[in-house]
Amino acid sequence: MTQLDFVKSNLVKVLKYVDEEPDINKVLDYFSYEHFYVLYCKFWELDNDHDFLLDRDDLVKLSNYALTYRIVDRIFSGACKPLSSGTPDKLGYQDFIWLLLSEEDKHSETAIRYWFRGIDLDGDGYITPHEMEYFYKEQLHRMDCLAQEVVQFEDILCQMTDMVKPAREGYISMLDLKRCKQPGVFFNVLFNLTKFIQYDQKDPGQIFNERATPELTDWDRYAKIEYARLAMEEDQGEYADEIDFGGEGGDDV
């Protein structure tokens, strides 16, 4: 962190809050134990050989195979964000943190940058219909395999254009998506079929959670639900003995 980053951040304010607040889980910025626990356990679930590295076969299992293979390939290519694992074609824990935070809260500026780079195949700073169709083709195949009602790309293109309202017709910029009220929908349509279907079918559970907790981000809601699930499994003895919180050599976390 540079001095400028430090000055711009709310870190000092949060540190003061941590010092005064007896329940650390009420501090959602930086220091939530619930957030750490969810991130670590999700990584551990995917890391079958527990070498603290994920390959493509590990990552595609995330959220019950929610992500398409094409976006997973872009993640491993370093297009979304350069990988820090130091091992070719492997994601480390830090890489996974960036991914999961971006996946579960696509409204954040960080997530918009992350996924925009993944979709922008030629790196020209714009997402075109050609690039959108490249990713959506796999979604079409998945819909067909799962006997879901197929939504043709031409219809999707019209809907996404109406939603994003790009300043330049046929070219969606990062600024266009930052101005858009639902950037997460745009990305989910292209590479996360589970969330696309939830949106398309107006999942009542999701709508209720959003309305009941307007002060929380999408990531905060996800972490809260996952923490409750993991805690229940631990209480039932299904999880606690399996997880090594020291990491390999105790230095990775």
Foldseek 3Di string as FASTA:
>chain_A
DDPVVVVPDCVVVLVVVCVVDPQQCVSPPPGHPLLVVLLQVQQLVLPVVQQQKHALVSVCPRPNNQFDSLLSVLLLVCQLHNADPPDRRIHGSVSSVLVVVLLQFVLDLSNLSSVVSSLPVVPPQWHFLVSLVVQLVRVQVVCVVVVHDGDDSVVVVVVVCVQLVAPDPRTHGSVSLNPGPCNVQVSSSRTGNVVVVCVVVVPVVVVVLCVVCVVDGSSSSVSVVSSVVVVVCVVVVNPDVSDDCLRDVNPRD
